[in-house]
N, C-alpha and C. Protein backbone atom coordinates (compact mmCIF):
# COMPACT_ATOMS: atom_id res chain seq x y z
N MET A 1 0.84 -1.17 0.00
CA MET A 1 0.00 0.00 0.00
C MET A 1 0.89 1.24 0.00
N PRO A 2 0.82 2.05 -1.03
CA PRO A 2 1.68 3.23 -1.10
C PRO A 2 1.29 4.29 -0.08
N GLY A 3 2.23 5.17 0.22
CA GLY A 3 1.97 6.26 1.14
C GLY A 3 1.04 7.29 0.51
N ILE A 4 0.49 8.15 1.33
CA ILE A 4 -0.42 9.18 0.86
C ILE A 4 0.27 10.52 1.03
N ASN A 5 0.25 11.34 -0.01
CA ASN A 5 0.87 12.67 0.03
C ASN A 5 2.32 12.63 0.49
N GLY A 6 3.07 11.61 0.10
CA GLY A 6 4.49 11.56 0.41
C GLY A 6 4.83 11.00 1.78
N PHE A 7 3.82 10.65 2.57
CA PHE A 7 4.11 10.07 3.88
C PHE A 7 4.52 8.62 3.73
N ILE A 8 5.22 8.12 4.71
CA ILE A 8 5.64 6.72 4.72
C ILE A 8 4.80 6.01 5.76
N ILE A 9 4.36 4.83 5.42
CA ILE A 9 3.50 4.07 6.31
C ILE A 9 4.21 2.78 6.69
N LEU A 10 4.27 2.47 7.98
CA LEU A 10 4.82 1.20 8.44
C LEU A 10 3.68 0.22 8.64
N VAL A 11 3.82 -0.98 8.09
CA VAL A 11 2.79 -2.00 8.24
C VAL A 11 3.45 -3.27 8.76
N ASN A 12 2.78 -3.95 9.67
CA ASN A 12 3.32 -5.19 10.20
C ASN A 12 3.00 -6.32 9.23
N TYR A 13 4.01 -7.00 8.71
CA TYR A 13 3.84 -8.13 7.81
C TYR A 13 4.54 -9.32 8.44
N LYS A 14 3.74 -10.29 8.85
CA LYS A 14 4.25 -11.44 9.61
C LYS A 14 4.98 -10.89 10.83
N LYS A 15 6.23 -11.24 11.05
CA LYS A 15 6.93 -10.73 12.23
C LYS A 15 7.82 -9.54 11.91
N TYR A 16 7.80 -9.09 10.65
CA TYR A 16 8.64 -7.98 10.25
C TYR A 16 7.80 -6.75 9.95
N ASN A 17 8.41 -5.60 10.05
CA ASN A 17 7.77 -4.38 9.58
C ASN A 17 8.31 -4.11 8.19
N ILE A 18 7.42 -3.87 7.27
CA ILE A 18 7.82 -3.55 5.90
C ILE A 18 7.52 -2.08 5.67
N LEU A 19 8.46 -1.37 5.11
CA LEU A 19 8.30 0.05 4.86
C LEU A 19 7.76 0.24 3.44
N TYR A 20 6.63 0.89 3.33
CA TYR A 20 6.06 1.21 2.03
C TYR A 20 6.24 2.71 1.79
N SER A 21 6.78 3.08 0.68
CA SER A 21 6.92 4.50 0.38
C SER A 21 5.95 4.86 -0.74
N ILE A 22 5.86 6.10 -1.05
CA ILE A 22 4.96 6.56 -2.10
C ILE A 22 5.31 5.94 -3.45
N MET A 23 6.57 5.52 -3.63
CA MET A 23 6.99 4.92 -4.88
C MET A 23 6.72 3.41 -4.88
N GLY A 24 6.11 2.90 -3.82
CA GLY A 24 5.80 1.48 -3.75
C GLY A 24 7.01 0.63 -3.35
N GLN A 25 8.10 1.26 -2.93
CA GLN A 25 9.28 0.50 -2.52
C GLN A 25 9.09 -0.01 -1.11
N ARG A 26 9.71 -1.14 -0.79
CA ARG A 26 9.65 -1.64 0.58
C ARG A 26 11.02 -2.12 0.99
N ASP A 27 11.33 -1.89 2.24
CA ASP A 27 12.60 -2.33 2.82
C ASP A 27 12.29 -3.17 4.04
N LEU A 28 12.93 -4.31 4.16
CA LEU A 28 12.77 -5.14 5.34
C LEU A 28 13.40 -4.41 6.52
N ARG A 29 12.66 -4.28 7.59
CA ARG A 29 13.14 -3.58 8.78
C ARG A 29 13.57 -4.60 9.81
N TYR A 30 14.71 -4.33 10.44
CA TYR A 30 15.26 -5.22 11.46
C TYR A 30 15.19 -4.55 12.83
N THR A 31 14.77 -5.31 13.82
CA THR A 31 14.72 -4.81 15.19
C THR A 31 16.14 -4.55 15.68
N SER A 32 16.31 -3.44 16.38
CA SER A 32 17.63 -3.06 16.87
C SER A 32 17.54 -2.72 18.36
N ARG A 33 18.67 -2.87 19.04
CA ARG A 33 18.80 -2.41 20.43
C ARG A 33 19.88 -1.33 20.51
N GLY A 34 20.16 -0.72 19.37
CA GLY A 34 21.16 0.33 19.33
C GLY A 34 20.63 1.63 19.90
N LYS A 35 21.49 2.62 19.89
CA LYS A 35 21.13 3.95 20.39
C LYS A 35 21.42 4.99 19.30
N VAL A 36 20.78 6.13 19.45
CA VAL A 36 20.96 7.23 18.50
C VAL A 36 21.15 8.51 19.30
N TYR A 37 22.05 9.36 18.85
CA TYR A 37 22.21 10.69 19.43
C TYR A 37 21.95 11.71 18.33
N ILE A 38 21.07 12.66 18.65
CA ILE A 38 20.76 13.76 17.72
C ILE A 38 21.05 15.05 18.48
N ALA A 39 22.26 15.55 18.34
CA ALA A 39 22.71 16.71 19.12
C ALA A 39 21.78 17.92 18.95
N GLU A 40 21.23 18.09 17.75
CA GLU A 40 20.36 19.25 17.49
C GLU A 40 19.02 19.15 18.21
N VAL A 41 18.68 17.96 18.69
CA VAL A 41 17.35 17.73 19.25
C VAL A 41 17.38 17.45 20.75
N SER A 42 18.32 16.60 21.19
CA SER A 42 18.32 16.17 22.59
C SER A 42 19.70 15.67 22.99
N ASN A 43 20.03 15.85 24.26
CA ASN A 43 21.26 15.27 24.81
C ASN A 43 21.01 13.86 25.32
N ALA A 44 19.73 13.48 25.38
CA ALA A 44 19.36 12.16 25.91
C ALA A 44 19.66 11.07 24.90
N GLU A 45 19.84 9.88 25.43
CA GLU A 45 20.03 8.70 24.60
C GLU A 45 18.67 8.32 24.01
N ILE A 46 18.63 8.07 22.72
CA ILE A 46 17.40 7.72 22.03
C ILE A 46 17.53 6.28 21.54
N LEU A 47 16.48 5.50 21.71
CA LEU A 47 16.50 4.10 21.29
C LEU A 47 16.33 3.99 19.78
N LEU A 48 17.18 3.19 19.16
CA LEU A 48 17.04 2.86 17.74
C LEU A 48 16.14 1.63 17.70
N LYS A 49 14.87 1.82 17.41
CA LYS A 49 13.87 0.75 17.51
C LYS A 49 14.02 -0.27 16.38
N ASN A 50 14.14 0.22 15.15
CA ASN A 50 14.37 -0.66 14.01
C ASN A 50 14.99 0.13 12.88
N MET A 51 15.56 -0.59 11.91
CA MET A 51 16.16 0.09 10.78
C MET A 51 16.20 -0.82 9.56
N SER A 52 16.40 -0.20 8.41
CA SER A 52 16.51 -0.90 7.13
C SER A 52 17.59 -0.22 6.32
N THR A 53 17.73 -0.61 5.08
CA THR A 53 18.73 0.04 4.22
C THR A 53 18.39 1.49 3.96
N GLY A 54 17.12 1.86 4.09
CA GLY A 54 16.73 3.22 3.75
C GLY A 54 16.20 4.07 4.88
N GLY A 55 15.90 3.47 6.03
CA GLY A 55 15.29 4.26 7.08
C GLY A 55 15.44 3.65 8.45
N LEU A 56 14.90 4.38 9.43
CA LEU A 56 14.96 3.91 10.80
C LEU A 56 13.79 4.47 11.58
N CYS A 57 13.52 3.84 12.71
CA CYS A 57 12.50 4.31 13.63
C CYS A 57 13.18 4.48 14.99
N ILE A 58 12.97 5.65 15.60
CA ILE A 58 13.57 5.93 16.90
C ILE A 58 12.48 6.15 17.93
N GLU A 59 12.85 5.94 19.20
CA GLU A 59 11.88 6.07 20.28
C GLU A 59 12.57 6.68 21.49
N SER A 60 11.86 7.58 22.18
CA SER A 60 12.42 8.24 23.35
C SER A 60 11.35 8.42 24.41
N GLU A 61 11.79 8.38 25.66
CA GLU A 61 10.87 8.68 26.76
C GLU A 61 10.69 10.19 26.90
N ASP A 62 11.56 10.96 26.28
CA ASP A 62 11.44 12.42 26.26
C ASP A 62 10.80 12.84 24.95
N PHE A 63 10.08 13.96 24.98
CA PHE A 63 9.53 14.48 23.74
C PHE A 63 10.68 14.93 22.84
N LEU A 64 10.63 14.54 21.58
CA LEU A 64 11.66 14.91 20.61
C LEU A 64 11.14 16.03 19.73
N GLU A 65 11.83 17.13 19.73
CA GLU A 65 11.42 18.26 18.89
C GLU A 65 11.95 18.04 17.48
N ILE A 66 11.33 17.08 16.81
CA ILE A 66 11.72 16.75 15.44
C ILE A 66 10.59 17.19 14.52
N SER A 67 10.92 17.95 13.52
CA SER A 67 9.92 18.42 12.56
C SER A 67 9.88 17.51 11.36
N PRO A 68 8.68 17.11 10.92
CA PRO A 68 8.59 16.31 9.69
C PRO A 68 9.25 17.05 8.53
N LYS A 69 9.95 16.29 7.71
CA LYS A 69 10.68 16.78 6.53
C LYS A 69 11.97 17.52 6.87
N ALA A 70 12.27 17.70 8.17
CA ALA A 70 13.52 18.36 8.56
C ALA A 70 14.66 17.35 8.50
N ARG A 71 15.86 17.83 8.22
CA ARG A 71 17.03 16.96 8.12
C ARG A 71 17.92 17.17 9.34
N TYR A 72 18.41 16.04 9.90
CA TYR A 72 19.26 16.07 11.08
C TYR A 72 20.45 15.14 10.87
N SER A 73 21.56 15.47 11.50
CA SER A 73 22.73 14.59 11.51
C SER A 73 22.65 13.77 12.79
N VAL A 74 22.76 12.44 12.67
CA VAL A 74 22.64 11.57 13.85
C VAL A 74 23.83 10.64 13.94
N GLU A 75 24.18 10.31 15.18
CA GLU A 75 25.20 9.29 15.42
C GLU A 75 24.47 8.02 15.83
N ILE A 76 24.72 6.94 15.12
CA ILE A 76 24.12 5.65 15.42
C ILE A 76 25.15 4.81 16.17
N ILE A 77 24.75 4.33 17.34
CA ILE A 77 25.61 3.50 18.17
C ILE A 77 25.02 2.09 18.17
N PRO A 78 25.58 1.18 17.38
CA PRO A 78 25.06 -0.20 17.36
C PRO A 78 25.23 -0.87 18.71
N GLU A 79 24.41 -1.90 18.97
CA GLU A 79 24.59 -2.63 20.23
C GLU A 79 25.98 -3.24 20.27
N GLU A 80 26.52 -3.36 21.47
CA GLU A 80 27.90 -3.78 21.66
C GLU A 80 28.21 -5.15 21.05
N ASP A 81 27.27 -6.08 21.14
CA ASP A 81 27.48 -7.43 20.61
C ASP A 81 27.74 -7.45 19.11
N SER A 82 27.31 -6.42 18.41
CA SER A 82 27.48 -6.39 16.94
C SER A 82 28.94 -6.19 16.53
N LYS A 83 29.74 -5.63 17.44
CA LYS A 83 31.14 -5.29 17.15
C LYS A 83 31.27 -4.39 15.91
N VAL A 84 30.25 -3.54 15.73
CA VAL A 84 30.24 -2.56 14.64
C VAL A 84 30.43 -1.19 15.27
N ASP A 85 31.33 -0.39 14.70
CA ASP A 85 31.60 0.95 15.22
C ASP A 85 30.41 1.88 15.00
N SER A 86 30.35 2.92 15.81
CA SER A 86 29.31 3.93 15.61
C SER A 86 29.57 4.64 14.28
N PHE A 87 28.51 5.20 13.72
CA PHE A 87 28.64 5.91 12.44
C PHE A 87 27.62 7.04 12.39
N THR A 88 27.88 7.99 11.53
CA THR A 88 27.02 9.16 11.42
C THR A 88 26.33 9.17 10.06
N VAL A 89 25.03 9.48 10.09
CA VAL A 89 24.25 9.61 8.87
C VAL A 89 23.33 10.82 9.00
N ASP A 90 22.85 11.30 7.89
CA ASP A 90 21.81 12.31 7.90
C ASP A 90 20.48 11.59 7.80
N ILE A 91 19.48 12.12 8.51
CA ILE A 91 18.14 11.56 8.42
C ILE A 91 17.17 12.68 8.08
N GLU A 92 16.05 12.31 7.51
CA GLU A 92 14.95 13.23 7.28
C GLU A 92 13.73 12.62 7.91
N SER A 93 13.15 13.31 8.87
CA SER A 93 11.98 12.81 9.58
C SER A 93 10.78 12.78 8.64
N ARG A 94 10.02 11.69 8.71
CA ARG A 94 8.80 11.56 7.91
C ARG A 94 7.55 11.69 8.76
N TRP A 95 7.64 11.24 10.00
CA TRP A 95 6.51 11.35 10.92
C TRP A 95 7.00 11.32 12.36
N VAL A 96 6.20 11.92 13.22
CA VAL A 96 6.48 11.93 14.65
C VAL A 96 5.17 11.60 15.36
N LYS A 97 5.23 10.67 16.33
CA LYS A 97 4.06 10.28 17.12
C LYS A 97 4.40 10.39 18.59
N ALA A 98 3.57 11.06 19.34
CA ALA A 98 3.74 11.11 20.79
C ALA A 98 2.63 10.26 21.41
N LYS A 99 3.03 9.27 22.22
CA LYS A 99 2.06 8.40 22.90
C LYS A 99 2.39 8.41 24.38
N LYS A 100 1.46 8.79 25.18
CA LYS A 100 1.62 8.82 26.64
C LYS A 100 3.03 9.25 27.03
N ARG A 101 3.91 8.29 27.34
CA ARG A 101 5.25 8.64 27.81
C ARG A 101 6.32 8.39 26.77
N LEU A 102 5.93 8.09 25.53
CA LEU A 102 6.92 7.80 24.49
C LEU A 102 6.74 8.72 23.29
N CYS A 103 7.84 9.03 22.67
CA CYS A 103 7.83 9.79 21.43
C CYS A 103 8.56 8.95 20.39
N GLU A 104 7.96 8.79 19.22
CA GLU A 104 8.51 7.93 18.18
C GLU A 104 8.59 8.72 16.88
N SER A 105 9.61 8.43 16.08
CA SER A 105 9.74 9.10 14.78
C SER A 105 10.27 8.13 13.74
N GLY A 106 9.68 8.17 12.57
CA GLY A 106 10.15 7.39 11.43
C GLY A 106 10.94 8.30 10.51
N CYS A 107 12.11 7.86 10.10
CA CYS A 107 13.02 8.71 9.34
C CYS A 107 13.61 7.97 8.15
N VAL A 108 13.91 8.71 7.12
CA VAL A 108 14.64 8.19 5.96
C VAL A 108 16.11 8.54 6.16
N MET A 109 17.01 7.59 5.89
CA MET A 109 18.44 7.87 5.98
C MET A 109 18.94 8.37 4.63
N ILE A 110 19.81 9.35 4.69
CA ILE A 110 20.42 9.91 3.47
C ILE A 110 21.91 9.62 3.56
N ILE A 111 22.35 8.62 2.79
CA ILE A 111 23.75 8.20 2.83
C ILE A 111 24.26 8.11 1.40
N PRO A 112 25.25 8.91 1.04
CA PRO A 112 25.82 8.79 -0.30
C PRO A 112 26.45 7.41 -0.51
N PRO A 113 26.21 6.78 -1.66
CA PRO A 113 26.79 5.46 -1.94
C PRO A 113 28.32 5.48 -1.87
N GLY A 114 28.88 4.38 -1.39
CA GLY A 114 30.34 4.23 -1.35
C GLY A 114 31.04 4.95 -0.22
N THR A 115 30.28 5.54 0.70
CA THR A 115 30.89 6.25 1.82
C THR A 115 31.18 5.26 2.96
N PRO A 116 32.09 5.61 3.87
CA PRO A 116 32.34 4.74 5.02
C PRO A 116 31.07 4.46 5.83
N SER A 117 30.19 5.46 5.97
CA SER A 117 28.94 5.25 6.72
C SER A 117 28.08 4.18 6.07
N GLN A 118 28.06 4.15 4.74
CA GLN A 118 27.26 3.13 4.05
C GLN A 118 27.83 1.73 4.31
N GLU A 119 29.14 1.62 4.30
CA GLU A 119 29.79 0.33 4.55
C GLU A 119 29.51 -0.16 5.98
N VAL A 120 29.58 0.75 6.95
CA VAL A 120 29.31 0.38 8.34
C VAL A 120 27.84 0.01 8.50
N LEU A 121 26.94 0.78 7.88
CA LEU A 121 25.52 0.47 7.91
C LEU A 121 25.26 -0.94 7.37
N GLU A 122 25.88 -1.29 6.25
CA GLU A 122 25.69 -2.62 5.67
C GLU A 122 26.17 -3.72 6.62
N ARG A 123 27.28 -3.49 7.32
CA ARG A 123 27.76 -4.48 8.30
C ARG A 123 26.77 -4.62 9.46
N TYR A 124 26.25 -3.49 9.91
CA TYR A 124 25.30 -3.53 11.02
C TYR A 124 23.99 -4.22 10.60
N LEU A 125 23.50 -3.92 9.41
CA LEU A 125 22.28 -4.58 8.93
C LEU A 125 22.49 -6.08 8.76
N ALA A 126 23.68 -6.48 8.31
CA ALA A 126 23.99 -7.91 8.19
C ALA A 126 23.95 -8.57 9.57
N TYR A 127 24.49 -7.89 10.58
CA TYR A 127 24.43 -8.41 11.95
C TYR A 127 22.97 -8.54 12.40
N LEU A 128 22.16 -7.48 12.20
CA LEU A 128 20.76 -7.52 12.62
C LEU A 128 19.99 -8.62 11.89
N ALA A 129 20.26 -8.79 10.60
CA ALA A 129 19.60 -9.84 9.82
C ALA A 129 19.93 -11.21 10.39
N GLY A 130 21.19 -11.42 10.75
CA GLY A 130 21.61 -12.68 11.36
C GLY A 130 20.92 -12.92 12.69
N GLN A 131 20.74 -11.86 13.48
CA GLN A 131 20.04 -11.97 14.76
C GLN A 131 18.59 -12.37 14.54
N GLU A 132 17.93 -11.74 13.56
CA GLU A 132 16.52 -12.04 13.29
C GLU A 132 16.36 -13.46 12.78
N GLU A 133 17.26 -13.90 11.91
CA GLU A 133 17.18 -15.26 11.39
C GLU A 133 17.36 -16.26 12.51
N GLY A 134 18.31 -16.00 13.40
CA GLY A 134 18.56 -16.90 14.52
C GLY A 134 17.40 -16.96 15.49
N ASN A 135 16.76 -15.83 15.72
CA ASN A 135 15.64 -15.77 16.66
C ASN A 135 14.30 -16.07 16.02
N GLY A 136 14.18 -15.76 14.73
CA GLY A 136 12.90 -15.89 14.07
C GLY A 136 12.74 -17.17 13.29
N ASN A 137 13.82 -17.98 13.18
CA ASN A 137 13.75 -19.23 12.45
C ASN A 137 13.20 -19.03 11.04
N LEU A 138 13.85 -18.21 10.26
CA LEU A 138 13.40 -17.93 8.90
C LEU A 138 13.98 -18.92 7.92
N SER A 139 13.19 -19.23 6.91
CA SER A 139 13.70 -20.05 5.81
C SER A 139 14.27 -19.11 4.78
N GLN A 140 14.83 -19.67 3.72
CA GLN A 140 15.43 -18.83 2.68
C GLN A 140 14.41 -17.94 2.01
N ASP A 141 13.15 -18.36 1.94
CA ASP A 141 12.13 -17.53 1.28
C ASP A 141 11.53 -16.48 2.21
N GLY A 142 12.04 -16.40 3.46
CA GLY A 142 11.59 -15.37 4.38
C GLY A 142 10.37 -15.76 5.18
N GLU A 143 9.86 -16.99 5.00
CA GLU A 143 8.70 -17.43 5.75
C GLU A 143 9.12 -17.88 7.15
N SER A 144 8.24 -17.69 8.09
CA SER A 144 8.52 -18.09 9.46
C SER A 144 8.36 -19.60 9.60
N ASN A 145 9.27 -20.22 10.31
CA ASN A 145 9.22 -21.65 10.59
C ASN A 145 9.27 -21.87 12.08
N PRO A 146 8.12 -21.68 12.77
CA PRO A 146 8.14 -21.74 14.23
C PRO A 146 8.56 -23.08 14.80
N GLY A 147 8.43 -24.15 14.05
CA GLY A 147 8.78 -25.46 14.58
C GLY A 147 10.25 -25.76 14.57
N GLU A 148 11.04 -24.99 13.86
CA GLU A 148 12.48 -25.27 13.74
C GLU A 148 13.25 -24.62 14.86
């Protein structure tokens, strides 16, 4: 289902979140336990909830003053077990949701191809994919195999 008026919609498909954009593109999203720092927005540690090759979702117990369509420079700190170094990317916020005590934002990552940040992102996504396969018992076609 494509986005409306340029917005991005997250939909739960089986155990994964699939990102649908206005162009009909989808990226498999991987659950993360990493952290994000956005100096322009907050000094607090922000949870990296999930990410894909093109975007990420962040969550904070503090309200995040993030404007939709605004661009920010963020430092991504992968979980320690990944043995992947932190890296910096630019993001553009697509939506912000405030729920009771949580603030969540979905963002598109802007990373020029062939940059060190892209290489580190690919290593981190490979780690997250391995974690999901190990925990989710996925077959090669991406279907869940709960009995395995």
